[in-house]
């Protein structure tokens, strides 16, 4: 998100809106290497809770992908060629309330959190309800529940 847009936007009252993005982001987002294929990205996006793929080289974010970016793209293409950064990143010191309001109005749910050098710091994930952000604890609980269900089925 453009810094000027963030500075001008009003905040949204509600849960998890006080403070800054750094305090509400996921701290260990899933990533793919920048050399990943479109097929690799589609496989990651097939997950229920995955809405954005983060393409990195080392700690640097080089691109993001959503399912909409990959419509009618051949599977063996390099994913990075179809990736987008503009409008899909946010600085860690942005107001969580302002960003929440912007995401809701834009009908968007994910933003990569990066510093000025595009070092990937985390991922901001708006809950499906639109009332707050997913936490590392939420993600860990879902993973544990999924593992338990798989064991029960087997």
N, C-alpha and C. Protein backbone atom coordinates (compact mmCIF):
# COMPACT_ATOMS: atom_id res chain seq x y z
N UNK A 1 0.85 -1.17 0.00
CA UNK A 1 0.00 0.00 0.00
C UNK A 1 0.89 1.24 0.00
N UNK A 2 0.53 2.18 -0.76
CA UNK A 2 1.28 3.42 -0.85
C UNK A 2 1.25 4.15 0.48
N UNK A 3 2.38 4.67 0.93
CA UNK A 3 2.47 5.37 2.20
C UNK A 3 1.49 6.53 2.27
N UNK A 4 1.31 7.29 1.19
CA UNK A 4 0.38 8.42 1.18
C UNK A 4 -1.05 7.95 1.38
N UNK A 5 -1.42 6.82 0.78
CA UNK A 5 -2.76 6.27 0.95
C UNK A 5 -2.97 5.87 2.40
N UNK A 6 -1.98 5.23 3.00
CA UNK A 6 -2.09 4.82 4.39
C UNK A 6 -2.22 6.02 5.32
N UNK A 7 -1.44 7.05 5.06
CA UNK A 7 -1.47 8.23 5.93
C UNK A 7 -2.79 8.99 5.84
N UNK A 8 -3.45 8.92 4.69
CA UNK A 8 -4.68 9.68 4.49
C UNK A 8 -5.94 8.92 4.89
N UNK A 9 -5.84 7.59 5.00
CA UNK A 9 -7.03 6.79 5.26
C UNK A 9 -7.44 6.81 6.72
N UNK A 10 -8.76 6.88 6.98
CA UNK A 10 -9.23 6.82 8.36
C UNK A 10 -9.12 5.40 8.91
N UNK A 11 -9.02 5.28 10.20
CA UNK A 11 -8.97 3.97 10.84
C UNK A 11 -10.35 3.34 10.91
N UNK A 12 -10.39 2.06 11.25
CA UNK A 12 -11.64 1.34 11.42
C UNK A 12 -11.70 0.85 12.85
N UNK A 13 -12.75 1.24 13.59
CA UNK A 13 -12.84 0.78 14.97
C UNK A 13 -13.10 -0.72 15.01
N UNK A 14 -12.65 -1.37 16.06
CA UNK A 14 -12.93 -2.79 16.23
C UNK A 14 -11.72 -3.53 16.74
N UNK A 15 -11.82 -4.86 16.72
CA UNK A 15 -10.79 -5.72 17.27
C UNK A 15 -9.49 -5.56 16.49
N UNK A 16 -8.39 -5.61 17.21
CA UNK A 16 -7.04 -5.60 16.63
C UNK A 16 -6.75 -4.37 15.78
N UNK A 17 -7.31 -3.25 16.11
CA UNK A 17 -7.06 -2.07 15.28
C UNK A 17 -6.14 -1.07 15.96
N UNK A 18 -5.87 -1.26 17.21
CA UNK A 18 -4.93 -0.34 17.84
C UNK A 18 -3.51 -0.87 17.58
N UNK A 19 -2.58 0.01 17.52
CA UNK A 19 -1.21 -0.39 17.28
C UNK A 19 -0.86 -0.42 15.81
N UNK A 20 0.21 -1.11 15.52
CA UNK A 20 0.74 -1.13 14.16
C UNK A 20 0.72 -2.55 13.60
N UNK A 21 0.90 -2.63 12.29
CA UNK A 21 0.87 -3.89 11.57
C UNK A 21 1.83 -4.91 12.18
N UNK A 22 3.02 -4.48 12.56
CA UNK A 22 4.01 -5.41 13.12
C UNK A 22 3.43 -6.22 14.28
N UNK A 23 2.52 -5.63 15.03
CA UNK A 23 1.95 -6.31 16.19
C UNK A 23 0.85 -7.31 15.87
N UNK A 24 0.34 -7.31 14.65
CA UNK A 24 -0.77 -8.21 14.30
C UNK A 24 -0.47 -9.10 13.09
N UNK A 25 0.73 -9.05 12.57
CA UNK A 25 1.07 -9.84 11.38
C UNK A 25 1.47 -11.26 11.78
N UNK A 26 1.37 -12.18 10.81
CA UNK A 26 1.95 -13.50 10.98
C UNK A 26 3.45 -13.35 10.81
N UNK A 27 4.20 -13.95 11.70
CA UNK A 27 5.64 -13.72 11.69
C UNK A 27 6.43 -14.75 10.87
N UNK A 28 5.78 -15.85 10.50
CA UNK A 28 6.48 -16.86 9.71
C UNK A 28 5.61 -17.31 8.54
N UNK A 29 5.40 -16.41 7.59
CA UNK A 29 4.54 -16.80 6.45
C UNK A 29 5.21 -17.84 5.57
N UNK A 30 4.38 -18.62 4.90
CA UNK A 30 4.90 -19.60 3.94
C UNK A 30 5.38 -18.84 2.72
N UNK A 31 6.50 -19.29 2.17
CA UNK A 31 7.06 -18.64 0.98
C UNK A 31 7.45 -19.71 -0.04
N UNK A 32 7.65 -19.26 -1.25
CA UNK A 32 8.24 -20.09 -2.30
C UNK A 32 9.46 -19.35 -2.81
N UNK A 33 10.45 -20.08 -3.29
CA UNK A 33 11.61 -19.40 -3.88
C UNK A 33 11.20 -18.72 -5.18
N UNK A 34 11.90 -17.67 -5.52
CA UNK A 34 11.59 -16.88 -6.71
C UNK A 34 11.65 -17.71 -7.99
N UNK A 35 12.33 -18.83 -7.96
CA UNK A 35 12.45 -19.68 -9.15
C UNK A 35 11.27 -20.65 -9.30
N UNK A 36 10.28 -20.58 -8.43
CA UNK A 36 9.14 -21.51 -8.46
C UNK A 36 8.35 -21.36 -9.76
N UNK A 37 7.69 -22.43 -10.13
CA UNK A 37 6.85 -22.41 -11.34
C UNK A 37 5.42 -22.00 -10.98
N UNK A 38 4.64 -21.72 -12.01
CA UNK A 38 3.22 -21.43 -11.82
C UNK A 38 2.54 -22.63 -11.17
N UNK A 39 2.91 -23.83 -11.58
CA UNK A 39 2.34 -25.04 -11.00
C UNK A 39 2.65 -25.13 -9.50
N UNK A 40 3.88 -24.77 -9.10
CA UNK A 40 4.25 -24.75 -7.68
C UNK A 40 3.35 -23.79 -6.92
N UNK A 41 3.13 -22.61 -7.48
CA UNK A 41 2.30 -21.60 -6.83
C UNK A 41 0.86 -22.07 -6.72
N UNK A 42 0.34 -22.67 -7.77
CA UNK A 42 -1.03 -23.20 -7.73
C UNK A 42 -1.18 -24.26 -6.65
N UNK A 43 -0.17 -25.09 -6.48
CA UNK A 43 -0.23 -26.14 -5.45
C UNK A 43 -0.34 -25.51 -4.06
N UNK A 44 0.40 -24.45 -3.82
CA UNK A 44 0.32 -23.77 -2.52
C UNK A 44 -1.04 -23.09 -2.35
N UNK A 45 -1.52 -22.46 -3.39
CA UNK A 45 -2.81 -21.77 -3.34
C UNK A 45 -3.99 -22.74 -3.17
N UNK A 46 -3.77 -24.01 -3.41
CA UNK A 46 -4.84 -25.00 -3.26
C UNK A 46 -5.21 -25.20 -1.79
N UNK A 47 -4.36 -24.76 -0.87
CA UNK A 47 -4.66 -24.86 0.55
C UNK A 47 -5.84 -23.97 0.93
N UNK A 48 -6.68 -24.45 1.83
CA UNK A 48 -7.89 -23.72 2.26
C UNK A 48 -7.64 -22.30 2.73
N UNK A 49 -6.58 -22.08 3.45
CA UNK A 49 -6.35 -20.78 4.07
C UNK A 49 -5.27 -19.97 3.36
N UNK A 50 -4.81 -20.44 2.23
CA UNK A 50 -3.76 -19.73 1.50
C UNK A 50 -4.40 -18.90 0.39
N UNK A 51 -4.21 -17.60 0.48
CA UNK A 51 -4.80 -16.69 -0.51
C UNK A 51 -3.75 -15.91 -1.28
N UNK A 52 -2.50 -15.99 -0.82
CA UNK A 52 -1.42 -15.26 -1.48
C UNK A 52 -0.12 -16.04 -1.32
N UNK A 53 0.59 -16.20 -2.43
CA UNK A 53 1.91 -16.82 -2.42
C UNK A 53 2.96 -15.71 -2.40
N UNK A 54 3.95 -15.86 -1.56
CA UNK A 54 5.05 -14.90 -1.44
C UNK A 54 6.29 -15.51 -2.08
N UNK A 55 6.80 -14.85 -3.11
CA UNK A 55 8.00 -15.32 -3.81
C UNK A 55 9.21 -14.55 -3.28
N UNK A 56 10.19 -15.28 -2.80
CA UNK A 56 11.34 -14.64 -2.16
C UNK A 56 12.66 -15.15 -2.73
N UNK A 57 13.65 -14.29 -2.59
CA UNK A 57 15.04 -14.68 -2.82
C UNK A 57 15.75 -14.32 -1.54
N UNK A 58 16.15 -15.34 -0.78
CA UNK A 58 16.65 -15.07 0.56
C UNK A 58 15.52 -14.47 1.38
N UNK A 59 15.78 -13.35 2.03
CA UNK A 59 14.77 -12.67 2.84
C UNK A 59 14.02 -11.59 2.07
N UNK A 60 14.36 -11.41 0.80
CA UNK A 60 13.76 -10.32 0.00
C UNK A 60 12.51 -10.80 -0.73
N UNK A 61 11.43 -10.05 -0.59
CA UNK A 61 10.20 -10.33 -1.32
C UNK A 61 10.35 -9.81 -2.75
N UNK A 62 10.17 -10.70 -3.71
CA UNK A 62 10.27 -10.31 -5.12
C UNK A 62 8.91 -10.24 -5.79
N UNK A 63 7.92 -10.93 -5.26
CA UNK A 63 6.60 -10.90 -5.87
C UNK A 63 5.57 -11.61 -5.03
N UNK A 64 4.29 -11.33 -5.34
CA UNK A 64 3.17 -12.02 -4.71
C UNK A 64 2.24 -12.53 -5.80
N UNK A 65 1.54 -13.60 -5.49
CA UNK A 65 0.59 -14.17 -6.44
C UNK A 65 -0.70 -14.56 -5.74
N UNK A 66 -1.80 -14.34 -6.41
CA UNK A 66 -3.10 -14.85 -5.98
C UNK A 66 -3.60 -15.74 -7.11
N UNK A 67 -4.66 -16.47 -6.85
CA UNK A 67 -5.22 -17.33 -7.88
C UNK A 67 -5.60 -16.55 -9.12
N UNK A 68 -6.11 -15.35 -8.94
CA UNK A 68 -6.53 -14.52 -10.08
C UNK A 68 -5.37 -14.16 -10.99
N UNK A 69 -4.17 -14.10 -10.44
CA UNK A 69 -2.99 -13.77 -11.26
C UNK A 69 -2.60 -14.91 -12.20
N UNK A 70 -3.09 -16.11 -11.91
CA UNK A 70 -2.61 -17.29 -12.63
C UNK A 70 -3.65 -17.92 -13.56
N UNK A 71 -4.75 -17.23 -13.78
CA UNK A 71 -5.78 -17.75 -14.68
C UNK A 71 -5.22 -17.84 -16.09
N UNK A 72 -5.38 -19.00 -16.70
CA UNK A 72 -4.95 -19.24 -18.09
C UNK A 72 -3.44 -19.09 -18.31
N UNK A 73 -2.66 -19.26 -17.26
CA UNK A 73 -1.19 -19.20 -17.38
C UNK A 73 -0.67 -20.63 -17.42
N UNK A 74 0.20 -20.97 -18.37
CA UNK A 74 0.75 -22.33 -18.44
C UNK A 74 1.48 -22.72 -17.15
N UNK A 75 1.31 -23.97 -16.76
CA UNK A 75 1.85 -24.46 -15.49
C UNK A 75 3.37 -24.39 -15.40
N UNK A 76 4.06 -24.52 -16.51
CA UNK A 76 5.52 -24.57 -16.45
C UNK A 76 6.17 -23.19 -16.55
N UNK A 77 5.38 -22.14 -16.63
CA UNK A 77 5.91 -20.78 -16.66
C UNK A 77 6.55 -20.43 -15.32
N UNK A 78 7.53 -19.53 -15.30
CA UNK A 78 8.07 -19.07 -14.01
C UNK A 78 7.02 -18.19 -13.31
N UNK A 79 6.73 -18.50 -12.08
CA UNK A 79 5.70 -17.77 -11.33
C UNK A 79 6.05 -16.30 -11.18
N UNK A 80 7.32 -16.00 -11.03
CA UNK A 80 7.74 -14.62 -10.81
C UNK A 80 7.31 -13.70 -11.95
N UNK A 81 7.27 -14.23 -13.16
CA UNK A 81 6.88 -13.42 -14.32
C UNK A 81 5.44 -12.93 -14.23
N UNK A 82 4.62 -13.58 -13.44
CA UNK A 82 3.20 -13.23 -13.30
C UNK A 82 2.90 -12.58 -11.97
N UNK A 83 3.91 -12.35 -11.17
CA UNK A 83 3.71 -11.84 -9.81
C UNK A 83 3.48 -10.33 -9.79
N UNK A 84 2.97 -9.86 -8.66
CA UNK A 84 2.64 -8.46 -8.46
C UNK A 84 3.19 -8.02 -7.10
N UNK A 85 3.72 -6.82 -7.03
CA UNK A 85 4.10 -6.22 -5.75
C UNK A 85 3.25 -4.99 -5.43
N UNK A 86 2.98 -4.20 -6.44
CA UNK A 86 2.26 -2.95 -6.25
C UNK A 86 0.89 -3.19 -5.60
N UNK A 87 0.66 -2.51 -4.48
CA UNK A 87 -0.61 -2.63 -3.78
C UNK A 87 -0.73 -3.85 -2.89
N UNK A 88 0.32 -4.66 -2.82
CA UNK A 88 0.24 -5.89 -2.03
C UNK A 88 1.22 -5.95 -0.88
N UNK A 89 1.82 -4.81 -0.57
CA UNK A 89 2.74 -4.77 0.57
C UNK A 89 2.34 -3.63 1.49
N UNK A 90 2.80 -3.73 2.71
CA UNK A 90 2.52 -2.71 3.71
C UNK A 90 3.74 -2.62 4.64
N UNK A 91 4.08 -1.42 5.10
CA UNK A 91 5.20 -1.31 6.04
C UNK A 91 4.78 -1.75 7.44
N UNK A 92 5.72 -2.21 8.24
CA UNK A 92 5.38 -2.73 9.56
C UNK A 92 4.88 -1.67 10.54
N UNK A 93 5.17 -0.40 10.28
CA UNK A 93 4.76 0.65 11.20
C UNK A 93 3.44 1.31 10.80
N UNK A 94 2.76 0.78 9.78
CA UNK A 94 1.46 1.32 9.38
C UNK A 94 0.43 1.02 10.47
N UNK A 95 -0.55 1.88 10.61
CA UNK A 95 -1.63 1.69 11.57
C UNK A 95 -2.45 0.44 11.22
N UNK A 96 -2.60 -0.46 12.16
CA UNK A 96 -3.39 -1.67 11.93
C UNK A 96 -4.84 -1.31 11.62
N UNK A 97 -5.37 -0.30 12.28
CA UNK A 97 -6.75 0.12 12.04
C UNK A 97 -6.96 0.67 10.65
N UNK A 98 -6.03 1.48 10.20
CA UNK A 98 -6.12 2.04 8.85
C UNK A 98 -6.06 0.93 7.81
N UNK A 99 -5.12 0.02 7.98
CA UNK A 99 -4.96 -1.07 7.01
C UNK A 99 -6.19 -1.98 7.02
N UNK A 100 -6.74 -2.25 8.19
CA UNK A 100 -7.95 -3.06 8.27
C UNK A 100 -9.07 -2.42 7.44
N UNK A 101 -9.27 -1.13 7.61
CA UNK A 101 -10.29 -0.43 6.85
C UNK A 101 -10.06 -0.49 5.36
N UNK A 102 -8.81 -0.32 4.95
CA UNK A 102 -8.48 -0.36 3.52
C UNK A 102 -8.71 -1.76 2.94
N UNK A 103 -8.34 -2.79 3.68
CA UNK A 103 -8.54 -4.16 3.20
C UNK A 103 -10.03 -4.46 3.05
N UNK A 104 -10.82 -4.08 4.04
CA UNK A 104 -12.26 -4.33 3.98
C UNK A 104 -12.87 -3.62 2.78
N UNK A 105 -12.53 -2.35 2.60
CA UNK A 105 -13.10 -1.59 1.48
C UNK A 105 -12.65 -2.13 0.13
N UNK A 106 -11.46 -2.69 0.07
CA UNK A 106 -10.93 -3.23 -1.18
C UNK A 106 -11.31 -4.70 -1.40
N UNK A 107 -12.04 -5.28 -0.45
CA UNK A 107 -12.39 -6.71 -0.51
C UNK A 107 -11.14 -7.56 -0.70
N UNK A 108 -10.10 -7.23 0.04
CA UNK A 108 -8.83 -7.93 -0.02
C UNK A 108 -8.54 -8.49 1.37
N UNK A 109 -7.72 -9.53 1.46
CA UNK A 109 -7.47 -10.13 2.77
C UNK A 109 -6.00 -10.34 3.12
N UNK A 110 -5.09 -10.11 2.20
CA UNK A 110 -3.68 -10.38 2.48
C UNK A 110 -2.80 -9.24 2.00
N UNK A 111 -1.79 -8.93 2.81
CA UNK A 111 -0.73 -8.00 2.42
C UNK A 111 0.58 -8.53 2.99
N UNK A 112 1.64 -8.49 2.19
CA UNK A 112 2.96 -8.84 2.67
C UNK A 112 3.51 -7.66 3.46
N UNK A 113 4.14 -7.93 4.58
CA UNK A 113 4.73 -6.87 5.41
C UNK A 113 6.22 -6.83 5.11
N UNK A 114 6.67 -5.68 4.61
CA UNK A 114 8.06 -5.54 4.20
C UNK A 114 8.64 -4.23 4.74
N UNK A 115 9.96 -4.23 4.90
CA UNK A 115 10.63 -2.98 5.26
C UNK A 115 10.98 -2.20 4.00
N UNK A 116 11.68 -1.12 4.14
CA UNK A 116 12.01 -0.24 3.01
C UNK A 116 12.85 -0.94 1.94
N UNK A 117 13.59 -1.98 2.32
CA UNK A 117 14.42 -2.72 1.37
C UNK A 117 13.72 -3.96 0.81
N UNK A 118 12.42 -4.09 1.07
CA UNK A 118 11.59 -5.22 0.68
C UNK A 118 11.98 -6.52 1.38
N UNK A 119 12.61 -6.40 2.55
CA UNK A 119 12.84 -7.60 3.35
C UNK A 119 11.48 -8.04 3.88
N UNK A 120 11.15 -9.31 3.66
CA UNK A 120 9.87 -9.84 4.12
C UNK A 120 9.90 -10.01 5.63
N UNK A 121 8.98 -9.35 6.31
CA UNK A 121 8.90 -9.41 7.77
C UNK A 121 7.74 -10.28 8.24
N UNK A 122 6.70 -10.37 7.43
CA UNK A 122 5.53 -11.13 7.83
C UNK A 122 4.42 -11.02 6.80
N UNK A 123 3.24 -11.48 7.21
CA UNK A 123 2.08 -11.45 6.34
C UNK A 123 0.89 -10.99 7.16
N UNK A 124 0.16 -10.03 6.67
CA UNK A 124 -1.04 -9.54 7.32
C UNK A 124 -2.22 -10.29 6.71
N UNK A 125 -2.98 -10.98 7.55
CA UNK A 125 -4.08 -11.83 7.08
C UNK A 125 -5.37 -11.40 7.74
N UNK A 126 -6.26 -10.82 6.97
CA UNK A 126 -7.56 -10.43 7.47
C UNK A 126 -8.43 -11.67 7.62
N UNK A 127 -9.08 -11.80 8.78
CA UNK A 127 -9.97 -12.94 9.00
C UNK A 127 -11.15 -12.86 8.04
N UNK A 128 -11.71 -14.01 7.73
CA UNK A 128 -12.85 -14.08 6.82
C UNK A 128 -13.98 -13.17 7.27
N UNK A 129 -14.15 -13.01 8.59
CA UNK A 129 -15.21 -12.16 9.14
C UNK A 129 -14.95 -10.68 8.87
N UNK A 130 -13.70 -10.33 8.58
CA UNK A 130 -13.33 -8.93 8.34
C UNK A 130 -13.21 -8.11 9.61
N UNK A 131 -13.21 -8.76 10.76
CA UNK A 131 -13.20 -8.04 12.03
C UNK A 131 -11.83 -7.96 12.69
N UNK A 132 -10.86 -8.62 12.17
CA UNK A 132 -9.53 -8.60 12.78
C UNK A 132 -8.57 -9.44 11.95
N UNK A 133 -7.40 -9.67 12.50
CA UNK A 133 -6.35 -10.36 11.77
C UNK A 133 -6.05 -11.73 12.37
N UNK A 134 -5.65 -12.67 11.51
CA UNK A 134 -5.22 -13.99 11.95
C UNK A 134 -3.92 -13.82 12.72
N UNK A 135 -3.71 -14.67 13.69
CA UNK A 135 -2.49 -14.62 14.49
C UNK A 135 -1.68 -15.89 14.27
N UNK A 136 -0.43 -15.85 14.72
CA UNK A 136 0.40 -17.05 14.68
C UNK A 136 -0.26 -18.17 15.47
N UNK A 137 -0.92 -17.84 16.57
CA UNK A 137 -1.61 -18.82 17.39
C UNK A 137 -2.75 -19.47 16.61
N UNK A 138 -3.52 -18.68 15.87
CA UNK A 138 -4.61 -19.21 15.04
C UNK A 138 -4.07 -20.21 14.02
N UNK A 139 -3.00 -19.84 13.35
CA UNK A 139 -2.41 -20.70 12.32
C UNK A 139 -1.91 -22.00 12.94
N UNK A 140 -1.24 -21.92 14.08
CA UNK A 140 -0.73 -23.11 14.75
C UNK A 140 -1.88 -24.02 15.19
N UNK A 141 -2.96 -23.43 15.69
CA UNK A 141 -4.12 -24.23 16.12
C UNK A 141 -4.76 -24.94 14.93
N UNK A 142 -4.89 -24.26 13.79
CA UNK A 142 -5.44 -24.89 12.60
C UNK A 142 -4.57 -26.05 12.14
N UNK A 143 -3.26 -25.85 12.17
CA UNK A 143 -2.33 -26.90 11.75
C UNK A 143 -2.43 -28.11 12.67
N UNK A 144 -2.52 -27.87 13.97
CA UNK A 144 -2.63 -28.96 14.94
C UNK A 144 -3.95 -29.70 14.75
N UNK A 145 -5.04 -28.96 14.52
CA UNK A 145 -6.35 -29.56 14.31
C UNK A 145 -6.35 -30.41 13.05
N UNK A 146 -5.72 -29.91 12.01
CA UNK A 146 -5.65 -30.63 10.74
C UNK A 146 -4.87 -31.93 10.91
N UNK A 147 -3.76 -31.88 11.66
CA UNK A 147 -2.95 -33.06 11.92
C UNK A 147 -3.75 -34.09 12.71
N UNK A 148 -4.49 -33.63 13.71
CA UNK A 148 -5.30 -34.52 14.53
C UNK A 148 -6.38 -35.19 13.68
N UNK A 149 -7.03 -34.43 12.82
CA UNK A 149 -8.07 -34.99 11.95
C UNK A 149 -7.49 -36.04 11.00
N UNK A 150 -6.31 -35.77 10.45
CA UNK A 150 -5.68 -36.74 9.54
C UNK A 150 -5.39 -38.05 10.26
N UNK A 151 -4.89 -37.95 11.49
CA UNK A 151 -4.60 -39.17 12.27
C UNK A 151 -5.87 -39.93 12.58
N UNK A 152 -6.95 -39.23 12.87
CA UNK A 152 -8.22 -39.86 13.20
C UNK A 152 -8.77 -40.61 11.98
N UNK A 153 -8.64 -40.02 10.81
CA UNK A 153 -9.13 -40.64 9.57
C UNK A 153 -8.34 -41.87 9.23
N UNK A 154 -7.02 -41.80 9.41
CA UNK A 154 -6.16 -42.93 9.08
C UNK A 154 -6.38 -44.03 10.08
